Amino acid sequence: NNEKNRNKLRKKAFILLNIYVILIIILYIIYY
């Protein structure tokens, strides 16, 4: 219910997704 905590979790989710995307791109390069 706390909006401050929600924003903090949303920000961390974005950061984690960005990390996943970077890892996937690196793996694509390795595969090619």
PDB file of all heavy atoms in Angstrom:
ATOM      1  N   ASN A   1       0.807  -1.226   0.000  1.00  0.00           N
ATOM      2  CA  ASN A   1       0.000   0.000   0.000  1.00  0.00           C
ATOM      3  C   ASN A   1       0.840   1.276   0.000  1.00  0.00           C
ATOM      4  O   ASN A   1       0.368   2.329  -0.412  1.00  0.00           O
ATOM      5  CB  ASN A   1      -0.929   0.005   1.231  1.00  0.00           C
ATOM      6  CG  ASN A   1      -1.948  -1.128   1.174  1.00  0.00           C
ATOM      7  OD1 ASN A   1      -2.463  -1.446   0.111  1.00  0.00           O
ATOM      8  ND2 ASN A   1      -2.224  -1.741   2.316  1.00  0.00           N
ATOM      9  N   ASN A   2       2.075   1.176   0.465  1.00  0.00           N
ATOM     10  CA  ASN A   2       2.937   2.349   0.559  1.00  0.00           C
ATOM     11  C   ASN A   2       3.478   2.713  -0.831  1.00  0.00           C
ATOM     12  O   ASN A   2       4.208   1.933  -1.451  1.00  0.00           O
ATOM     13  CB  ASN A   2       4.088   2.063   1.536  1.00  0.00           C
ATOM     14  CG  ASN A   2       4.896   3.306   1.845  1.00  0.00           C
ATOM     15  OD1 ASN A   2       5.448   3.932   0.942  1.00  0.00           O
ATOM     16  ND2 ASN A   2       4.980   3.664   3.109  1.00  0.00           N
ATOM     17  N   GLU A   3       3.128   3.916  -1.324  1.00  0.00           N
ATOM     18  CA  GLU A   3       3.517   4.331  -2.676  1.00  0.00           C
ATOM     19  C   GLU A   3       5.028   4.481  -2.821  1.00  0.00           C
ATOM     20  O   GLU A   3       5.603   4.195  -3.880  1.00  0.00           O
ATOM     21  CB  GLU A   3       2.819   5.645  -3.029  1.00  0.00           C
ATOM     22  CG  GLU A   3       2.946   6.043  -4.497  1.00  0.00           C
ATOM     23  CD  GLU A   3       2.364   5.009  -5.452  1.00  0.00           C
ATOM     24  OE1 GLU A   3       1.373   4.346  -5.088  1.00  0.00           O
ATOM     25  OE2 GLU A   3       2.920   4.852  -6.556  1.00  0.00           O
ATOM     26  N   LYS A   4       5.692   4.912  -1.746  1.00  0.00           N
ATOM     27  CA  LYS A   4       7.146   5.070  -1.778  1.00  0.00           C
ATOM     28  C   LYS A   4       7.815   3.715  -1.984  1.00  0.00           C
ATOM     29  O   LYS A   4       8.755   3.586  -2.790  1.00  0.00           O
ATOM     30  CB  LYS A   4       7.633   5.705  -0.473  1.00  0.00           C
ATOM     31  CG  LYS A   4       9.125   6.006  -0.455  1.00  0.00           C
ATOM     32  CD  LYS A   4       9.520   6.687   0.847  1.00  0.00           C
ATOM     33  CE  LYS A   4      11.022   6.983   0.865  1.00  0.00           C
ATOM     34  NZ  LYS A   4      11.432   7.628   2.148  1.00  0.00           N
ATOM     35  N   ASN A   5       7.339   2.707  -1.269  1.00  0.00           N
ATOM     36  CA  ASN A   5       7.881   1.356  -1.426  1.00  0.00           C
ATOM     37  C   ASN A   5       7.570   0.790  -2.806  1.00  0.00           C
ATOM     38  O   ASN A   5       8.390   0.088  -3.410  1.00  0.00           O
ATOM     39  CB  ASN A   5       7.317   0.425  -0.353  1.00  0.00           C
ATOM     40  CG  ASN A   5       7.874   0.721   1.023  1.00  0.00           C
ATOM     41  OD1 ASN A   5       8.944   1.318   1.156  1.00  0.00           O
ATOM     42  ND2 ASN A   5       7.147   0.316   2.062  1.00  0.00           N
ATOM     43  N   ARG A   6       6.386   1.100  -3.326  1.00  0.00           N
ATOM     44  CA  ARG A   6       6.000   0.633  -4.666  1.00  0.00           C
ATOM     45  C   ARG A   6       6.938   1.203  -5.725  1.00  0.00           C
ATOM     46  O   ARG A   6       7.397   0.485  -6.615  1.00  0.00           O
ATOM     47  CB  ARG A   6       4.555   1.034  -4.973  1.00  0.00           C
ATOM     48  CG  ARG A   6       3.503   0.227  -4.217  1.00  0.00           C
ATOM     49  CD  ARG A   6       2.093   0.729  -4.547  1.00  0.00           C
ATOM     50  NE  ARG A   6       1.832   0.647  -5.969  1.00  0.00           N
ATOM     51  CZ  ARG A   6       1.446  -0.465  -6.587  1.00  0.00           C
ATOM     52  NH1 ARG A   6       1.259  -1.575  -5.906  1.00  0.00           N
ATOM     53  NH2 ARG A   6       1.227  -0.464  -7.893  1.00  0.00           N
ATOM     54  N   ASN A   7       7.231   2.497  -5.625  1.00  0.00           N
ATOM     55  CA  ASN A   7       8.134   3.144  -6.583  1.00  0.00           C
ATOM     56  C   ASN A   7       9.544   2.562  -6.492  1.00  0.00           C
ATOM     57  O   ASN A   7      10.224   2.382  -7.510  1.00  0.00           O
ATOM     58  CB  ASN A   7       8.177   4.650  -6.334  1.00  0.00           C
ATOM     59  CG  ASN A   7       6.887   5.337  -6.734  1.00  0.00           C
ATOM     60  OD1 ASN A   7       6.157   4.865  -7.617  1.00  0.00           O
ATOM     61  ND2 ASN A   7       6.578   6.454  -6.095  1.00  0.00           N
ATOM     62  N   LYS A   8       9.968   2.251  -5.270  1.00  0.00           N
ATOM     63  CA  LYS A   8      11.300   1.678  -5.059  1.00  0.00           C
ATOM     64  C   LYS A   8      11.387   0.289  -5.697  1.00  0.00           C
ATOM     65  O   LYS A   8      12.367  -0.038  -6.374  1.00  0.00           O
ATOM     66  CB  LYS A   8      11.587   1.588  -3.559  1.00  0.00           C
ATOM     67  CG  LYS A   8      13.042   1.244  -3.217  1.00  0.00           C
ATOM     68  CD  LYS A   8      13.239   1.117  -1.710  1.00  0.00           C
ATOM     69  CE  LYS A   8      13.028   2.455  -1.029  1.00  0.00           C
ATOM     70  NZ  LYS A   8      13.310   2.358   0.436  1.00  0.00           N
ATOM     71  N   LEU A   9      10.344  -0.521  -5.500  1.00  0.00           N
ATOM     72  CA  LEU A   9      10.314  -1.867  -6.081  1.00  0.00           C
ATOM     73  C   LEU A   9      10.232  -1.811  -7.610  1.00  0.00           C
ATOM     74  O   LEU A   9      10.874  -2.602  -8.297  1.00  0.00           O
ATOM     75  CB  LEU A   9       9.125  -2.653  -5.527  1.00  0.00           C
ATOM     76  CG  LEU A   9       9.231  -3.109  -4.068  1.00  0.00           C
ATOM     77  CD1 LEU A   9       7.889  -3.647  -3.578  1.00  0.00           C
ATOM     78  CD2 LEU A   9      10.309  -4.164  -3.903  1.00  0.00           C
ATOM     79  N   ARG A  10       9.440  -0.849  -8.131  1.00  0.00           N
ATOM     80  CA  ARG A  10       9.317  -0.700  -9.584  1.00  0.00           C
ATOM     81  C   ARG A  10      10.668  -0.327 -10.196  1.00  0.00           C
ATOM     82  O   ARG A  10      11.061  -0.869 -11.244  1.00  0.00           O
ATOM     83  CB  ARG A  10       8.282   0.376  -9.909  1.00  0.00           C
ATOM     84  CG  ARG A  10       7.969   0.493 -11.407  1.00  0.00           C
ATOM     85  CD  ARG A  10       6.968   1.585 -11.699  1.00  0.00           C
ATOM     86  NE  ARG A  10       5.667   1.312 -11.114  1.00  0.00           N
ATOM     87  CZ  ARG A  10       5.133   2.015 -10.110  1.00  0.00           C
ATOM     88  NH1 ARG A  10       5.798   3.033  -9.573  1.00  0.00           N
ATOM     89  NH2 ARG A  10       3.942   1.708  -9.640  1.00  0.00           N
ATOM     90  N   LYS A  11      11.383   0.567  -9.545  1.00  0.00           N
ATOM     91  CA  LYS A  11      12.696   0.983 -10.026  1.00  0.00           C
ATOM     92  C   LYS A  11      13.665  -0.197 -10.041  1.00  0.00           C
ATOM     93  O   LYS A  11      14.416  -0.395 -11.004  1.00  0.00           O
ATOM     94  CB  LYS A  11      13.239   2.103  -9.135  1.00  0.00           C
ATOM     95  CG  LYS A  11      14.579   2.658  -9.604  1.00  0.00           C
ATOM     96  CD  LYS A  11      15.034   3.797  -8.707  1.00  0.00           C
ATOM     97  CE  LYS A  11      16.381   4.344  -9.173  1.00  0.00           C
ATOM     98  NZ  LYS A  11      16.855   5.451  -8.290  1.00  0.00           N
ATOM     99  N   LYS A  12      13.642  -1.005  -8.982  1.00  0.00           N
ATOM    100  CA  LYS A  12      14.526  -2.169  -8.911  1.00  0.00           C
ATOM    101  C   LYS A  12      14.160  -3.203  -9.963  1.00  0.00           C
ATOM    102  O   LYS A  12      15.038  -3.876 -10.519  1.00  0.00           O
ATOM    103  CB  LYS A  12      14.467  -2.786  -7.513  1.00  0.00           C
ATOM    104  CG  LYS A  12      15.161  -1.940  -6.444  1.00  0.00           C
ATOM    105  CD  LYS A  12      15.104  -2.599  -5.077  1.00  0.00           C
ATOM    106  CE  LYS A  12      15.846  -1.760  -4.043  1.00  0.00           C
ATOM    107  NZ  LYS A  12      15.807  -2.359  -2.688  1.00  0.00           N
ATOM    108  N   ALA A  13      12.855  -3.318 -10.268  1.00  0.00           N
ATOM    109  CA  ALA A  13      12.406  -4.245 -11.311  1.00  0.00           C
ATOM    110  C   ALA A  13      12.935  -3.800 -12.673  1.00  0.00           C
ATOM    111  O   ALA A  13      13.371  -4.639 -13.478  1.00  0.00           O
ATOM    112  CB  ALA A  13      10.879  -4.311 -11.324  1.00  0.00           C
ATOM    113  N   PHE A  14      12.900  -2.498 -12.944  1.00  0.00           N
ATOM    114  CA  PHE A  14      13.452  -1.961 -14.196  1.00  0.00           C
ATOM    115  C   PHE A  14      14.949  -2.249 -14.288  1.00  0.00           C
ATOM    116  O   PHE A  14      15.450  -2.659 -15.342  1.00  0.00           O
ATOM    117  CB  PHE A  14      13.216  -0.452 -14.289  1.00  0.00           C
ATOM    118  CG  PHE A  14      11.920  -0.073 -14.931  1.00  0.00           C
ATOM    119  CD1 PHE A  14      10.978   0.683 -14.246  1.00  0.00           C
ATOM    120  CD2 PHE A  14      11.626  -0.468 -16.229  1.00  0.00           C
ATOM    121  CE1 PHE A  14       9.770   1.034 -14.831  1.00  0.00           C
ATOM    122  CE2 PHE A  14      10.425  -0.118 -16.832  1.00  0.00           C
ATOM    123  CZ  PHE A  14       9.498   0.635 -16.126  1.00  0.00           C
ATOM    124  N   ILE A  15      15.659  -2.027 -13.190  1.00  0.00           N
ATOM    125  CA  ILE A  15      17.109  -2.263 -13.167  1.00  0.00           C
ATOM    126  C   ILE A  15      17.409  -3.734 -13.451  1.00  0.00           C
ATOM    127  O   ILE A  15      18.295  -4.056 -14.245  1.00  0.00           O
ATOM    128  CB  ILE A  15      17.714  -1.841 -11.804  1.00  0.00           C
ATOM    129  CG1 ILE A  15      17.647  -0.321 -11.645  1.00  0.00           C
ATOM    130  CG2 ILE A  15      19.165  -2.326 -11.681  1.00  0.00           C
ATOM    131  CD1 ILE A  15      18.001   0.171 -10.257  1.00  0.00           C
ATOM    132  N   LEU A  16      16.660  -4.623 -12.794  1.00  0.00           N
ATOM    133  CA  LEU A  16      16.885  -6.052 -12.993  1.00  0.00           C
ATOM    134  C   LEU A  16      16.580  -6.471 -14.427  1.00  0.00           C
ATOM    135  O   LEU A  16      17.333  -7.254 -15.021  1.00  0.00           O
ATOM    136  CB  LEU A  16      16.018  -6.857 -12.017  1.00  0.00           C
ATOM    137  CG  LEU A  16      16.215  -8.383 -12.025  1.00  0.00           C
ATOM    138  CD1 LEU A  16      17.670  -8.745 -11.729  1.00  0.00           C
ATOM    139  CD2 LEU A  16      15.285  -9.050 -11.024  1.00  0.00           C
ATOM    140  N   LEU A  17      15.513  -5.939 -15.008  1.00  0.00           N
ATOM    141  CA  LEU A  17      15.184  -6.258 -16.399  1.00  0.00           C
ATOM    142  C   LEU A  17      16.282  -5.756 -17.335  1.00  0.00           C
ATOM    143  O   LEU A  17      16.653  -6.449 -18.293  1.00  0.00           O
ATOM    144  CB  LEU A  17      13.836  -5.646 -16.791  1.00  0.00           C
ATOM    145  CG  LEU A  17      13.359  -5.932 -18.222  1.00  0.00           C
ATOM    146  CD1 LEU A  17      13.297  -7.427 -18.493  1.00  0.00           C
ATOM    147  CD2 LEU A  17      11.997  -5.297 -18.477  1.00  0.00           C
ATOM    148  N   ASN A  18      16.822  -4.573 -17.061  1.00  0.00           N
ATOM    149  CA  ASN A  18      17.938  -4.051 -17.859  1.00  0.00           C
ATOM    150  C   ASN A  18      19.146  -4.978 -17.791  1.00  0.00           C
ATOM    151  O   ASN A  18      19.823  -5.218 -18.803  1.00  0.00           O
ATOM    152  CB  ASN A  18      18.333  -2.655 -17.371  1.00  0.00           C
ATOM    153  CG  ASN A  18      17.295  -1.598 -17.698  1.00  0.00           C
ATOM    154  OD1 ASN A  18      16.487  -1.771 -18.612  1.00  0.00           O
ATOM    155  ND2 ASN A  18      17.284  -0.507 -16.959  1.00  0.00           N
ATOM    156  N   ILE A  19      19.415  -5.513 -16.595  1.00  0.00           N
ATOM    157  CA  ILE A  19      20.533  -6.450 -16.420  1.00  0.00           C
ATOM    158  C   ILE A  19      20.280  -7.719 -17.232  1.00  0.00           C
ATOM    159  O   ILE A  19      21.184  -8.224 -17.917  1.00  0.00           O
ATOM    160  CB  ILE A  19      20.730  -6.794 -14.925  1.00  0.00           C
ATOM    161  CG1 ILE A  19      21.234  -5.567 -14.161  1.00  0.00           C
ATOM    162  CG2 ILE A  19      21.716  -7.968 -14.757  1.00  0.00           C
ATOM    163  CD1 ILE A  19      21.241  -5.743 -12.655  1.00  0.00           C
ATOM    164  N   TYR A  20      19.043  -8.218 -17.191  1.00  0.00           N
ATOM    165  CA  TYR A  20      18.686  -9.408 -17.978  1.00  0.00           C
ATOM    166  C   TYR A  20      18.896  -9.155 -19.465  1.00  0.00           C
ATOM    167  O   TYR A  20      19.424 -10.010 -20.181  1.00  0.00           O
ATOM    168  CB  TYR A  20      17.220  -9.788 -17.736  1.00  0.00           C
ATOM    169  CG  TYR A  20      16.950 -10.462 -16.410  1.00  0.00           C
ATOM    170  CD1 TYR A  20      15.663 -10.483 -15.876  1.00  0.00           C
ATOM    171  CD2 TYR A  20      17.955 -11.101 -15.687  1.00  0.00           C
ATOM    172  CE1 TYR A  20      15.391 -11.112 -14.667  1.00  0.00           C
ATOM    173  CE2 TYR A  20      17.690 -11.725 -14.480  1.00  0.00           C
ATOM    174  CZ  TYR A  20      16.411 -11.720 -13.972  1.00  0.00           C
ATOM    175  OH  TYR A  20      16.133 -12.348 -12.777  1.00  0.00           O
ATOM    176  N   VAL A  21      18.463  -7.994 -19.930  1.00  0.00           N
ATOM    177  CA  VAL A  21      18.599  -7.653 -21.350  1.00  0.00           C
ATOM    178  C   VAL A  21      20.074  -7.621 -21.754  1.00  0.00           C
ATOM    179  O   VAL A  21      20.460  -8.164 -22.801  1.00  0.00           O
ATOM    180  CB  VAL A  21      17.931  -6.293 -21.654  1.00  0.00           C
ATOM    181  CG1 VAL A  21      18.271  -5.827 -23.073  1.00  0.00           C
ATOM    182  CG2 VAL A  21      16.413  -6.393 -21.490  1.00  0.00           C
ATOM    183  N   ILE A  22      20.902  -7.014 -20.927  1.00  0.00           N
ATOM    184  CA  ILE A  22      22.351  -6.954 -21.207  1.00  0.00           C
ATOM    185  C   ILE A  22      22.945  -8.356 -21.266  1.00  0.00           C
ATOM    186  O   ILE A  22      23.733  -8.677 -22.171  1.00  0.00           O
ATOM    187  CB  ILE A  22      23.074  -6.101 -20.145  1.00  0.00           C
ATOM    188  CG1 ILE A  22      22.668  -4.627 -20.278  1.00  0.00           C
ATOM    189  CG2 ILE A  22      24.602  -6.236 -20.279  1.00  0.00           C
ATOM    190  CD1 ILE A  22      23.100  -3.759 -19.121  1.00  0.00           C
ATOM    191  N   LEU A  23      22.564  -9.212 -20.302  1.00  0.00           N
ATOM    192  CA  LEU A  23      23.065 -10.590 -20.289  1.00  0.00           C
ATOM    193  C   LEU A  23      22.634 -11.350 -21.531  1.00  0.00           C
ATOM    194  O   LEU A  23      23.426 -12.097 -22.122  1.00  0.00           O
ATOM    195  CB  LEU A  23      22.564 -11.309 -19.031  1.00  0.00           C
ATOM    196  CG  LEU A  23      23.196 -10.910 -17.699  1.00  0.00           C
ATOM    197  CD1 LEU A  23      22.486 -11.592 -16.538  1.00  0.00           C
ATOM    198  CD2 LEU A  23      24.681 -11.268 -17.682  1.00  0.00           C
ATOM    199  N   ILE A  24      21.383 -11.162 -21.948  1.00  0.00           N
ATOM    200  CA  ILE A  24      20.875 -11.842 -23.144  1.00  0.00           C
ATOM    201  C   ILE A  24      21.621 -11.378 -24.390  1.00  0.00           C
ATOM    202  O   ILE A  24      21.980 -12.188 -25.254  1.00  0.00           O
ATOM    203  CB  ILE A  24      19.352 -11.609 -23.294  1.00  0.00           C
ATOM    204  CG1 ILE A  24      18.590 -12.364 -22.196  1.00  0.00           C
ATOM    205  CG2 ILE A  24      18.863 -12.066 -24.674  1.00  0.00           C
ATOM    206  CD1 ILE A  24      17.112 -12.010 -22.096  1.00  0.00           C
ATOM    207  N   ILE A  25      21.886 -10.076 -24.494  1.00  0.00           N
ATOM    208  CA  ILE A  25      22.638  -9.541 -25.641  1.00  0.00           C
ATOM    209  C   ILE A  25      24.041 -10.131 -25.679  1.00  0.00           C
ATOM    210  O   ILE A  25      24.540 -10.532 -26.747  1.00  0.00           O
ATOM    211  CB  ILE A  25      22.702  -7.995 -25.573  1.00  0.00           C
ATOM    212  CG1 ILE A  25      21.308  -7.409 -25.832  1.00  0.00           C
ATOM    213  CG2 ILE A  25      23.704  -7.455 -26.602  1.00  0.00           C
ATOM    214  CD1 ILE A  25      21.212  -5.921 -25.571  1.00  0.00           C
ATOM    215  N   ILE A  26      24.700 -10.203 -24.519  1.00  0.00           N
ATOM    216  CA  ILE A  26      26.044 -10.790 -24.438  1.00  0.00           C
ATOM    217  C   ILE A  26      26.012 -12.253 -24.874  1.00  0.00           C
ATOM    218  O   ILE A  26      26.879 -12.715 -25.629  1.00  0.00           O
ATOM    219  CB  ILE A  26      26.610 -10.661 -23.003  1.00  0.00           C
ATOM    220  CG1 ILE A  26      26.895  -9.194 -22.676  1.00  0.00           C
ATOM    221  CG2 ILE A  26      27.902 -11.488 -22.851  1.00  0.00           C
ATOM    222  CD1 ILE A  26      27.234  -8.939 -21.214  1.00  0.00           C
ATOM    223  N   LEU A  27      24.995 -12.985 -24.415  1.00  0.00           N
ATOM    224  CA  LEU A  27      24.855 -14.394 -24.788  1.00  0.00           C
ATOM    225  C   LEU A  27      24.598 -14.556 -26.284  1.00  0.00           C
ATOM    226  O   LEU A  27      25.102 -15.499 -26.908  1.00  0.00           O
ATOM    227  CB  LEU A  27      23.721 -15.036 -23.983  1.00  0.00           C
ATOM    228  CG  LEU A  27      24.010 -15.288 -22.500  1.00  0.00           C
ATOM    229  CD1 LEU A  27      22.737 -15.636 -21.750  1.00  0.00           C
ATOM    230  CD2 LEU A  27      25.049 -16.391 -22.332  1.00  0.00           C
ATOM    231  N   TYR A  28      23.812 -13.633 -26.872  1.00  0.00           N
ATOM    232  CA  TYR A  28      23.589 -13.654 -28.324  1.00  0.00           C
ATOM    233  C   TYR A  28      24.911 -13.496 -29.073  1.00  0.00           C
ATOM    234  O   TYR A  28      25.184 -14.213 -30.049  1.00  0.00           O
ATOM    235  CB  TYR A  28      22.639 -12.532 -28.740  1.00  0.00           C
ATOM    236  CG  TYR A  28      21.195 -12.939 -28.788  1.00  0.00           C
ATOM    237  CD1 TYR A  28      20.267 -12.384 -27.911  1.00  0.00           C
ATOM    238  CD2 TYR A  28      20.731 -13.870 -29.714  1.00  0.00           C
ATOM    239  CE1 TYR A  28      18.935 -12.752 -27.937  1.00  0.00           C
ATOM    240  CE2 TYR A  28      19.408 -14.244 -29.759  1.00  0.00           C
ATOM    241  CZ  TYR A  28      18.510 -13.681 -28.858  1.00  0.00           C
ATOM    242  OH  TYR A  28      17.195 -14.051 -28.898  1.00  0.00           O
ATOM    243  N   ILE A  29      25.732 -12.572 -28.634  1.00  0.00           N
ATOM    244  CA  ILE A  29      27.037 -12.341 -29.273  1.00  0.00           C
ATOM    245  C   ILE A  29      27.908 -13.586 -29.164  1.00  0.00           C
ATOM    246  O   ILE A  29      28.556 -14.010 -30.143  1.00  0.00           O
ATOM    247  CB  ILE A  29      27.743 -11.121 -28.630  1.00  0.00           C
ATOM    248  CG1 ILE A  29      26.952  -9.843 -28.921  1.00  0.00           C
ATOM    249  CG2 ILE A  29      29.176 -10.998 -29.155  1.00  0.00           C
ATOM    250  CD1 ILE A  29      27.415  -8.637 -28.132  1.00  0.00           C
ATOM    251  N   ILE A  30      27.921 -14.193 -27.966  1.00  0.00           N
ATOM    252  CA  ILE A  30      28.703 -15.419 -27.755  1.00  0.00           C
ATOM    253  C   ILE A  30      28.204 -16.533 -28.672  1.00  0.00           C
ATOM    254  O   ILE A  30      29.003 -17.271 -29.264  1.00  0.00           O
ATOM    255  CB  ILE A  30      28.623 -15.864 -26.281  1.00  0.00           C
ATOM    256  CG1 ILE A  30      29.342 -14.849 -25.380  1.00  0.00           C
ATOM    257  CG2 ILE A  30      29.239 -17.251 -26.087  1.00  0.00           C
ATOM    258  CD1 ILE A  30      29.153 -15.086 -23.900  1.00  0.00           C
ATOM    259  N   TYR A  31      26.874 -16.633 -28.798  1.00  0.00           N
ATOM    260  CA  TYR A  31      26.316 -17.687 -29.643  1.00  0.00           C
ATOM    261  C   TYR A  31      26.704 -17.489 -31.105  1.00  0.00           C
ATOM    262  O   TYR A  31      27.070 -18.448 -31.795  1.00  0.00           O
ATOM    263  CB  TYR A  31      24.791 -17.736 -29.525  1.00  0.00           C
ATOM    264  CG  TYR A  31      24.183 -18.774 -30.437  1.00  0.00           C
ATOM    265  CD1 TYR A  31      24.211 -20.123 -30.094  1.00  0.00           C
ATOM    266  CD2 TYR A  31      23.621 -18.411 -31.662  1.00  0.00           C
ATOM    267  CE1 TYR A  31      23.684 -21.093 -30.947  1.00  0.00           C
ATOM    268  CE2 TYR A  31      23.100 -19.369 -32.524  1.00  0.00           C
ATOM    269  CZ  TYR A  31      23.138 -20.698 -32.154  1.00  0.00           C
ATOM    270  OH  TYR A  31      22.630 -21.655 -33.013  1.00  0.00           O
ATOM    271  N   TYR A  32      26.623 -16.262 -31.607  1.00  0.00           N
ATOM    272  CA  TYR A  32      26.954 -15.992 -32.999  1.00  0.00           C
ATOM    273  C   TYR A  32      28.429 -16.280 -33.289  1.00  0.00           C
ATOM    274  O   TYR A  32      28.795 -16.633 -34.405  1.00  0.00           O
ATOM    275  CB  TYR A  32      26.623 -14.547 -33.360  1.00  0.00           C
ATOM    276  CG  TYR A  32      25.202 -14.364 -33.816  1.00  0.00           C
ATOM    277  CD1 TYR A  32      24.271 -13.671 -33.031  1.00  0.00           C
ATOM    278  CD2 TYR A  32      24.762 -14.908 -35.026  1.00  0.00           C
ATOM    279  CE1 TYR A  32      22.957 -13.512 -33.441  1.00  0.00           C
ATOM    280  CE2 TYR A  32      23.452 -14.744 -35.447  1.00  0.00           C
ATOM    281  CZ  TYR A  32      22.549 -14.052 -34.653  1.00  0.00           C
ATOM    282  OH  TYR A  32      21.245 -13.914 -35.062  1.00  0.00           O
TER     283      TYR A  32
END
